[in-house]
């Protein structure tokens, strides 16, 4: 389950980097938006290997898990 959670986090960074408003930003400007685990430089490298269509497919595939993580984060 840990590996699936990590894959979800990576997918979320790829999805974020392919959003038009973020893709137009410089690498330095978007680094704070995606830094963490894995580090931003890895996320940038991984995201370059995906097309926007691939990112959309990732978003659909990880939607339920991402929603579950978001609801867990909202709990006090």
C-alpha atoms as a PDB file:
ATOM      1  CA  UNK A   1       0.000   0.000   0.000  1.00  0.00           C
ATOM      2  CA  UNK A   2       2.909   2.362   0.668  1.00  0.00           C
ATOM      3  CA  UNK A   3       4.109   2.042  -2.922  1.00  0.00           C
ATOM      4  CA  UNK A   4       0.618   2.861  -4.231  1.00  0.00           C
ATOM      5  CA  UNK A   5       0.498   5.941  -2.003  1.00  0.00           C
ATOM      6  CA  UNK A   6       3.882   7.071  -3.317  1.00  0.00           C
ATOM      7  CA  UNK A   7       2.758   6.495  -6.912  1.00  0.00           C
ATOM      8  CA  UNK A   8      -0.306   8.614  -6.192  1.00  0.00           C
ATOM      9  CA  UNK A   9       1.869  11.453  -4.880  1.00  0.00           C
ATOM     10  CA  UNK A  10       4.104  11.286  -7.944  1.00  0.00           C
ATOM     11  CA  UNK A  11       1.087  11.196 -10.258  1.00  0.00           C
ATOM     12  CA  UNK A  12      -0.334  14.245  -8.509  1.00  0.00           C
ATOM     13  CA  UNK A  13       2.879  16.158  -9.169  1.00  0.00           C
ATOM     14  CA  UNK A  14       2.868  15.131 -12.845  1.00  0.00           C
ATOM     15  CA  UNK A  15      -0.758  16.268 -13.104  1.00  0.00           C
ATOM     16  CA  UNK A  16       0.060  19.569 -11.416  1.00  0.00           C
ATOM     17  CA  UNK A  17       3.010  20.248 -13.707  1.00  0.00           C
ATOM     18  CA  UNK A  18       0.840  19.684 -16.782  1.00  0.00           C
ATOM     19  CA  UNK A  19      -1.814  22.216 -15.767  1.00  0.00           C
ATOM     20  CA  UNK A  20      -1.555  25.074 -18.306  1.00  0.00           C
ATOM     21  CA  UNK A  21      -1.142  27.890 -15.771  1.00  0.00           C
ATOM     22  CA  UNK A  22       1.648  26.003 -13.985  1.00  0.00           C
ATOM     23  CA  UNK A  23       3.337  24.700 -17.142  1.00  0.00           C
ATOM     24  CA  UNK A  24       3.866  28.337 -18.240  1.00  0.00           C
ATOM     25  CA  UNK A  25       5.707  29.186 -15.020  1.00  0.00           C
ATOM     26  CA  UNK A  26       9.465  28.981 -14.707  1.00  0.00           C
ATOM     27  CA  UNK A  27      10.951  25.952 -12.959  1.00  0.00           C
ATOM     28  CA  UNK A  28      11.987  28.121 -10.026  1.00  0.00           C
ATOM     29  CA  UNK A  29       8.505  29.627  -9.652  1.00  0.00           C
ATOM     30  CA  UNK A  30       6.715  26.290  -9.619  1.00  0.00           C
ATOM     31  CA  UNK A  31       9.214  24.460  -7.397  1.00  0.00           C
ATOM     32  CA  UNK A  32       7.446  25.454  -4.124  1.00  0.00           C
ATOM     33  CA  UNK A  33       4.186  24.069  -5.546  1.00  0.00           C
ATOM     34  CA  UNK A  34       5.598  20.578  -6.058  1.00  0.00           C
ATOM     35  CA  UNK A  35       8.494  20.254  -3.637  1.00  0.00           C
ATOM     36  CA  UNK A  36       8.348  17.563  -1.007  1.00  0.00           C
ATOM     37  CA  UNK A  37       8.520  13.830  -1.463  1.00  0.00           C
ATOM     38  CA  UNK A  38       9.802  13.141  -4.067  1.00  0.00           C
ATOM     39  CA  UNK A  39      11.840  16.334  -4.467  1.00  0.00           C
ATOM     40  CA  UNK A  40      10.855  18.845  -7.142  1.00  0.00           C
ATOM     41  CA  UNK A  41      13.804  18.047  -9.420  1.00  0.00           C
ATOM     42  CA  UNK A  42      12.668  14.413  -9.643  1.00  0.00           C
ATOM     43  CA  UNK A  43       9.068  15.461 -10.268  1.00  0.00           C
ATOM     44  CA  UNK A  44      10.176  17.789 -13.079  1.00  0.00           C
ATOM     45  CA  UNK A  45      12.176  14.984 -14.690  1.00  0.00           C
ATOM     46  CA  UNK A  46       9.329  12.496 -14.391  1.00  0.00           C
ATOM     47  CA  UNK A  47       6.724  14.965 -15.696  1.00  0.00           C
ATOM     48  CA  UNK A  48       8.738  15.585 -18.873  1.00  0.00           C
ATOM     49  CA  UNK A  49       8.178  11.935 -19.776  1.00  0.00           C
ATOM     50  CA  UNK A  50       4.387  12.376 -19.845  1.00  0.00           C
ATOM     51  CA  UNK A  51       2.135  14.163 -22.311  1.00  0.00           C
ATOM     52  CA  UNK A  52      -0.825  16.256 -21.148  1.00  0.00           C
ATOM     53  CA  UNK A  53      -3.066  13.373 -22.261  1.00  0.00           C
ATOM     54  CA  UNK A  54      -1.047  10.979 -20.090  1.00  0.00           C
ATOM     55  CA  UNK A  55      -1.444  13.351 -17.151  1.00  0.00           C
ATOM     56  CA  UNK A  56      -5.194  13.386 -17.710  1.00  0.00           C
ATOM     57  CA  UNK A  57      -5.265   9.582 -17.682  1.00  0.00           C
ATOM     58  CA  UNK A  58      -3.260   9.583 -14.431  1.00  0.00           C
ATOM     59  CA  UNK A  59      -5.714  12.024 -12.904  1.00  0.00           C
ATOM     60  CA  UNK A  60      -8.631   9.761 -13.773  1.00  0.00           C
ATOM     61  CA  UNK A  61      -6.844   6.647 -12.566  1.00  0.00           C
ATOM     62  CA  UNK A  62      -5.814   8.054  -9.192  1.00  0.00           C
ATOM     63  CA  UNK A  63      -8.926  10.165  -8.571  1.00  0.00           C
ATOM     64  CA  UNK A  64     -10.480   7.986  -5.863  1.00  0.00           C
ATOM     65  CA  UNK A  65      -7.249   7.507  -3.954  1.00  0.00           C
ATOM     66  CA  UNK A  66      -6.409  11.216  -4.163  1.00  0.00           C
ATOM     67  CA  UNK A  67      -9.886  12.071  -2.887  1.00  0.00           C
ATOM     68  CA  UNK A  68      -9.404   9.675   0.041  1.00  0.00           C
ATOM     69  CA  UNK A  69      -6.064  11.305   0.911  1.00  0.00           C
ATOM     70  CA  UNK A  70      -7.667  14.760   0.749  1.00  0.00           C
ATOM     71  CA  UNK A  71     -10.491  13.741   3.081  1.00  0.00           C
ATOM     72  CA  UNK A  72      -7.973  12.253   5.531  1.00  0.00           C
ATOM     73  CA  UNK A  73      -6.001  15.499   5.496  1.00  0.00           C
ATOM     74  CA  UNK A  74      -9.135  17.492   6.327  1.00  0.00           C
ATOM     75  CA  UNK A  75      -9.797  15.526   9.506  1.00  0.00           C
ATOM     76  CA  UNK A  76      -8.778  17.310  12.729  1.00  0.00           C
END
